[in-house]
Protein backbone atom coordinates (compact mmCIF):
# COMPACT_ATOMS: atom_id res chain seq x y z
CA GLN A 1 1.37 4.44 -20.30
CA VAL A 2 2.09 3.41 -17.11
CA GLN A 3 -0.76 2.70 -14.00
CA LEU A 4 -1.04 1.58 -11.17
CA VAL A 5 -4.70 0.81 -9.66
CA GLU A 6 -5.53 0.40 -6.22
CA SER A 7 -8.59 -1.74 -4.83
CA GLY A 8 -9.49 -2.78 -1.76
CA GLY A 9 -10.13 -0.26 0.29
CA GLY A 10 -13.69 0.75 2.27
CA LEU A 11 -15.16 0.95 6.18
CA VAL A 12 -14.27 -1.38 8.64
CA GLN A 13 -14.76 -1.40 12.23
CA PRO A 14 -11.89 -1.37 14.60
CA GLY A 15 -10.56 -4.24 15.20
CA GLY A 16 -10.88 -5.42 11.79
CA SER A 17 -9.40 -6.10 8.64
CA LEU A 18 -8.99 -5.14 5.16
CA ARG A 19 -6.62 -6.34 2.29
CA LEU A 20 -5.48 -4.01 -0.55
CA SER A 21 -4.35 -4.61 -3.99
CA CYS A 22 -2.57 -2.72 -6.00
CA THR A 23 -2.05 -3.60 -9.99
CA ALA A 24 0.84 -2.25 -12.22
CA SER A 25 0.95 -2.38 -16.01
CA GLY A 26 3.20 -0.33 -18.56
CA ILE A 27 6.04 -1.25 -16.41
CA LEU A 28 8.80 -3.56 -15.68
CA PHE A 29 6.99 -4.80 -12.15
CA SER A 30 9.76 -7.01 -11.20
CA ALA A 31 12.66 -4.31 -11.49
CA TYR A 32 10.53 -2.22 -9.31
CA VAL A 33 10.45 -1.45 -5.18
CA MET A 34 6.53 -1.28 -4.68
CA GLY A 35 5.38 0.78 -1.60
CA TRP A 36 2.15 1.67 0.32
CA TYR A 37 1.78 4.92 1.56
CA ARG A 38 -0.77 6.91 3.45
CA GLN A 39 -2.38 10.28 3.81
CA ALA A 40 -4.49 11.54 6.60
CA PRO A 41 -6.50 14.54 6.26
CA GLY A 42 -3.93 17.82 7.37
CA LYS A 43 -0.61 15.50 7.86
CA GLU A 44 1.79 14.54 5.92
CA ARG A 45 1.98 11.32 3.48
CA GLU A 46 3.60 8.74 5.77
CA LEU A 47 5.59 5.38 4.96
CA VAL A 48 3.10 2.09 5.53
CA ALA A 49 5.41 -0.35 4.01
CA VAL A 50 7.78 -1.14 1.06
CA ILE A 51 8.95 -4.58 -0.71
CA THR A 52 11.97 -4.54 -2.65
CA ARG A 53 12.75 -6.54 -5.93
CA VAL A 54 14.12 -9.62 -4.06
CA GLY A 55 11.19 -9.19 -1.27
CA SER A 56 13.27 -7.45 1.82
CA ILE A 57 10.54 -5.27 3.55
CA ASN A 58 10.31 -2.29 5.50
CA TYR A 59 6.90 -1.36 7.97
CA GLY A 60 6.58 2.01 8.82
CA ASP A 61 6.89 2.04 12.89
CA SER A 62 2.83 2.77 13.56
CA VAL A 63 1.90 -0.88 11.70
CA LYS A 64 4.86 -3.05 12.62
CA GLY A 65 3.01 -6.33 13.67
CA ARG A 66 -0.49 -5.61 12.46
CA PHE A 67 0.12 -4.83 8.48
CA THR A 68 1.91 -7.65 6.14
CA ILE A 69 3.14 -6.37 2.70
CA SER A 70 3.25 -9.11 -0.29
CA ARG A 71 3.94 -9.01 -4.26
CA ASP A 72 2.99 -11.30 -7.10
CA ASN A 73 5.38 -10.80 -9.60
CA ALA A 74 3.57 -12.83 -11.98
CA LYS A 75 0.19 -10.76 -11.74
CA ASN A 76 2.08 -7.99 -11.30
CA THR A 77 0.33 -6.91 -8.15
CA VAL A 78 1.56 -5.69 -4.55
CA PHE A 79 -0.63 -6.60 -1.34
CA LEU A 80 -0.93 -4.95 1.45
CA GLY A 81 -2.92 -6.76 4.53
CA MET A 82 -4.37 -5.01 7.69
CA ASN A 83 -5.38 -6.35 10.90
CA SER A 84 -6.43 -5.09 14.03
CA LEU A 85 -6.90 -1.72 12.34
CA LYS A 86 -7.48 1.50 14.47
CA PRO A 87 -9.41 4.88 14.04
CA GLU A 88 -6.04 6.51 13.65
CA ASP A 89 -5.18 3.97 10.51
CA THR A 90 -8.03 6.37 8.77
CA ALA A 91 -6.39 8.29 5.51
CA VAL A 92 -5.57 7.57 1.29
CA TYR A 93 -3.54 4.74 1.16
CA TYR A 94 -1.91 5.15 -2.24
CA CYS A 95 0.69 2.32 -4.09
CA ASN A 96 4.31 3.35 -5.28
CA ALA A 97 6.59 2.25 -7.98
CA LYS A 98 9.72 2.77 -7.46
CA GLY A 99 12.67 2.13 -9.55
CA VAL A 100 16.25 3.41 -10.78
CA GLN A 101 15.05 6.04 -12.86
CA SER A 102 11.68 6.72 -12.19
CA GLY A 103 8.31 6.56 -10.00
CA TYR A 104 4.90 6.27 -10.22
CA TRP A 105 1.86 7.21 -7.70
CA GLY A 106 -1.56 5.07 -7.98
CA GLN A 107 -5.04 7.49 -7.20
CA GLY A 108 -4.71 5.88 -3.74
CA THR A 109 -7.60 4.12 -2.48
CA GLN A 110 -9.92 5.33 0.94
CA VAL A 111 -9.59 3.31 4.11
CA THR A 112 -11.59 4.52 6.93
CA VAL A 113 -12.05 2.95 10.42
CA SER A 114 -14.57 3.26 12.55
CA SER A 115 -17.54 2.03 14.33
């Protein structure tokens, strides 16, 4: 049974920071491209950041320079460091694992940026 479990979301003031974690089980973690996506109310799900098996990284335009994705294959975990948070970063953040023939989503974690 495959599980992706996100943690680290919460309420933060504008300009603040958060670090999200996603721990996977039931998959060969190192073989998967790992990513973070987000969905705000009334909007489509959008790419935040992805990191490949060899560490190549791509960010969505709206988070470049503020967010950092990383992975620890020994711990089956992918991280998303978020700095200089803005109210428009408010969304449910989802972890994604993409393999050659399969893909999985976590249940999501809420991030709210508000004063």
